[in-house]
Amino acid sequence: MYTGNQRTVLYVSVARSQAHELRQLVMETDPGAFLVIGQGQAAYGEGFQQRPSLLDQLGK
């Protein structure tokens, strides 16, 4: 139920193989937590490997 109260939001990106473990951790920490698990298109920034561009792959 929407209360209008401010809440802390944690947005994370994990490998698919880690999603179940993350869900368990969240539910153990806060059984009332609101959790959305979805597939991301891409992740950029520190800690993520960059994939070569299509032009790099084609040698152009």
N, C-alpha and C. Protein backbone atom coordinates (compact mmCIF):
# COMPACT_ATOMS: atom_id res chain seq x y z
N MET A 1 0.85 -1.18 0.00
CA MET A 1 0.00 0.00 0.00
C MET A 1 0.89 1.24 0.00
N TYR A 2 0.57 2.18 -0.85
CA TYR A 2 1.33 3.42 -0.93
C TYR A 2 1.02 4.30 0.27
N THR A 3 2.08 4.74 0.97
CA THR A 3 1.88 5.57 2.16
C THR A 3 2.34 7.01 1.97
N GLY A 4 3.16 7.26 0.95
CA GLY A 4 3.70 8.59 0.75
C GLY A 4 4.96 8.85 1.57
N ASN A 5 5.32 7.89 2.43
CA ASN A 5 6.53 8.03 3.24
C ASN A 5 7.78 7.84 2.40
N GLN A 6 8.83 8.58 2.74
CA GLN A 6 10.10 8.39 2.05
C GLN A 6 10.70 7.06 2.44
N ARG A 7 11.35 6.41 1.47
CA ARG A 7 11.98 5.11 1.69
C ARG A 7 13.36 5.10 1.07
N THR A 8 14.21 4.26 1.61
CA THR A 8 15.52 4.04 1.01
C THR A 8 15.34 3.02 -0.11
N VAL A 9 15.96 3.30 -1.26
CA VAL A 9 15.87 2.40 -2.41
C VAL A 9 17.27 1.92 -2.75
N LEU A 10 17.40 0.64 -2.95
CA LEU A 10 18.66 0.03 -3.36
C LEU A 10 18.44 -0.59 -4.73
N TYR A 11 19.20 -0.14 -5.70
CA TYR A 11 19.09 -0.63 -7.07
C TYR A 11 20.39 -1.34 -7.39
N VAL A 12 20.34 -2.61 -7.70
CA VAL A 12 21.55 -3.38 -7.95
C VAL A 12 21.45 -4.14 -9.25
N SER A 13 22.60 -4.48 -9.78
CA SER A 13 22.68 -5.30 -10.98
C SER A 13 23.57 -6.50 -10.65
N VAL A 14 23.03 -7.69 -10.82
CA VAL A 14 23.79 -8.91 -10.54
C VAL A 14 23.63 -9.88 -11.71
N ALA A 15 24.52 -10.82 -11.78
CA ALA A 15 24.42 -11.87 -12.79
C ALA A 15 23.19 -12.73 -12.51
N ARG A 16 22.62 -13.29 -13.55
CA ARG A 16 21.43 -14.13 -13.40
C ARG A 16 21.66 -15.23 -12.37
N SER A 17 22.87 -15.77 -12.34
CA SER A 17 23.18 -16.85 -11.40
C SER A 17 23.16 -16.38 -9.94
N GLN A 18 23.19 -15.08 -9.71
CA GLN A 18 23.19 -14.53 -8.35
C GLN A 18 21.81 -14.05 -7.91
N ALA A 19 20.83 -14.05 -8.80
CA ALA A 19 19.51 -13.48 -8.49
C ALA A 19 18.82 -14.21 -7.35
N HIS A 20 18.88 -15.52 -7.33
CA HIS A 20 18.21 -16.29 -6.27
C HIS A 20 18.84 -15.97 -4.91
N GLU A 21 20.17 -15.93 -4.88
CA GLU A 21 20.87 -15.62 -3.63
C GLU A 21 20.52 -14.21 -3.15
N LEU A 22 20.45 -13.26 -4.07
CA LEU A 22 20.09 -11.89 -3.71
C LEU A 22 18.67 -11.85 -3.12
N ARG A 23 17.74 -12.55 -3.76
CA ARG A 23 16.36 -12.59 -3.26
C ARG A 23 16.32 -13.15 -1.85
N GLN A 24 17.03 -14.23 -1.60
CA GLN A 24 17.05 -14.81 -0.27
C GLN A 24 17.61 -13.83 0.76
N LEU A 25 18.69 -13.15 0.40
CA LEU A 25 19.31 -12.19 1.30
C LEU A 25 18.36 -11.04 1.63
N VAL A 26 17.69 -10.51 0.62
CA VAL A 26 16.75 -9.41 0.83
C VAL A 26 15.61 -9.86 1.73
N MET A 27 15.03 -11.01 1.47
CA MET A 27 13.90 -11.49 2.26
C MET A 27 14.29 -11.82 3.70
N GLU A 28 15.52 -12.30 3.90
CA GLU A 28 16.00 -12.55 5.27
C GLU A 28 16.22 -11.23 6.02
N THR A 29 16.71 -10.22 5.29
CA THR A 29 17.00 -8.93 5.90
C THR A 29 15.73 -8.14 6.19
N ASP A 30 14.79 -8.14 5.23
CA ASP A 30 13.54 -7.39 5.38
C ASP A 30 12.42 -8.17 4.70
N PRO A 31 11.71 -9.01 5.47
CA PRO A 31 10.64 -9.82 4.89
C PRO A 31 9.53 -9.00 4.22
N GLY A 32 9.41 -7.73 4.55
CA GLY A 32 8.40 -6.89 3.94
C GLY A 32 8.91 -6.08 2.77
N ALA A 33 10.13 -6.36 2.31
CA ALA A 33 10.73 -5.58 1.22
C ALA A 33 9.97 -5.76 -0.09
N PHE A 34 9.97 -4.73 -0.89
CA PHE A 34 9.42 -4.77 -2.24
C PHE A 34 10.58 -5.05 -3.16
N LEU A 35 10.51 -6.13 -3.92
CA LEU A 35 11.64 -6.59 -4.73
C LEU A 35 11.16 -6.84 -6.15
N VAL A 36 11.85 -6.25 -7.12
CA VAL A 36 11.56 -6.48 -8.53
C VAL A 36 12.81 -7.08 -9.16
N ILE A 37 12.64 -8.20 -9.84
CA ILE A 37 13.76 -8.82 -10.54
C ILE A 37 13.43 -8.81 -12.02
N GLY A 38 14.31 -8.23 -12.81
CA GLY A 38 14.08 -8.15 -14.25
C GLY A 38 15.38 -8.27 -15.00
N GLN A 39 15.27 -8.43 -16.28
CA GLN A 39 16.44 -8.57 -17.14
C GLN A 39 16.87 -7.19 -17.63
N GLY A 40 18.14 -6.90 -17.47
CA GLY A 40 18.67 -5.62 -17.93
C GLY A 40 19.21 -5.74 -19.35
N GLN A 41 19.16 -4.66 -20.06
CA GLN A 41 19.67 -4.63 -21.43
C GLN A 41 21.18 -4.48 -21.45
N ALA A 42 21.71 -3.61 -20.58
CA ALA A 42 23.14 -3.37 -20.54
C ALA A 42 23.50 -2.74 -19.20
N ALA A 43 24.75 -2.90 -18.81
CA ALA A 43 25.25 -2.27 -17.59
C ALA A 43 26.57 -1.58 -17.93
N TYR A 44 26.70 -0.34 -17.51
CA TYR A 44 27.89 0.44 -17.80
C TYR A 44 28.47 0.98 -16.51
N GLY A 45 29.75 1.15 -16.46
CA GLY A 45 30.38 1.75 -15.30
C GLY A 45 31.44 0.86 -14.70
N GLU A 46 31.99 1.33 -13.60
CA GLU A 46 33.07 0.61 -12.94
C GLU A 46 32.61 -0.79 -12.53
N GLY A 47 33.43 -1.77 -12.79
CA GLY A 47 33.13 -3.13 -12.41
C GLY A 47 32.49 -3.96 -13.50
N PHE A 48 32.15 -3.34 -14.61
CA PHE A 48 31.56 -4.06 -15.73
C PHE A 48 32.52 -4.02 -16.91
N GLN A 49 32.66 -5.15 -17.56
CA GLN A 49 33.54 -5.22 -18.72
C GLN A 49 32.84 -4.62 -19.93
N GLN A 50 33.60 -3.87 -20.71
CA GLN A 50 33.05 -3.32 -21.94
C GLN A 50 33.17 -4.36 -23.04
N ARG A 51 32.11 -4.51 -23.80
CA ARG A 51 32.15 -5.40 -24.94
C ARG A 51 32.63 -4.61 -26.15
N PRO A 52 33.39 -5.24 -27.02
CA PRO A 52 33.84 -4.52 -28.22
C PRO A 52 32.63 -4.10 -29.06
N SER A 53 32.75 -2.95 -29.68
CA SER A 53 31.65 -2.48 -30.52
C SER A 53 31.55 -3.35 -31.76
N LEU A 54 30.43 -3.26 -32.44
CA LEU A 54 30.22 -4.03 -33.66
C LEU A 54 31.28 -3.68 -34.70
N LEU A 55 31.64 -2.39 -34.79
CA LEU A 55 32.67 -1.99 -35.75
C LEU A 55 34.02 -2.61 -35.40
N ASP A 56 34.35 -2.67 -34.11
CA ASP A 56 35.59 -3.32 -33.69
C ASP A 56 35.57 -4.80 -34.04
N GLN A 57 34.44 -5.44 -33.87
CA GLN A 57 34.31 -6.86 -34.16
C GLN A 57 34.48 -7.13 -35.65
N LEU A 58 34.03 -6.18 -36.47
CA LEU A 58 34.14 -6.35 -37.93
C LEU A 58 35.49 -5.89 -38.45
N GLY A 59 36.34 -5.36 -37.57
CA GLY A 59 37.66 -4.93 -37.98
C GLY A 59 37.69 -3.62 -38.73
N LYS A 60 36.74 -2.75 -38.48
CA LYS A 60 36.68 -1.46 -39.19
C LYS A 60 37.10 -0.35 -38.27
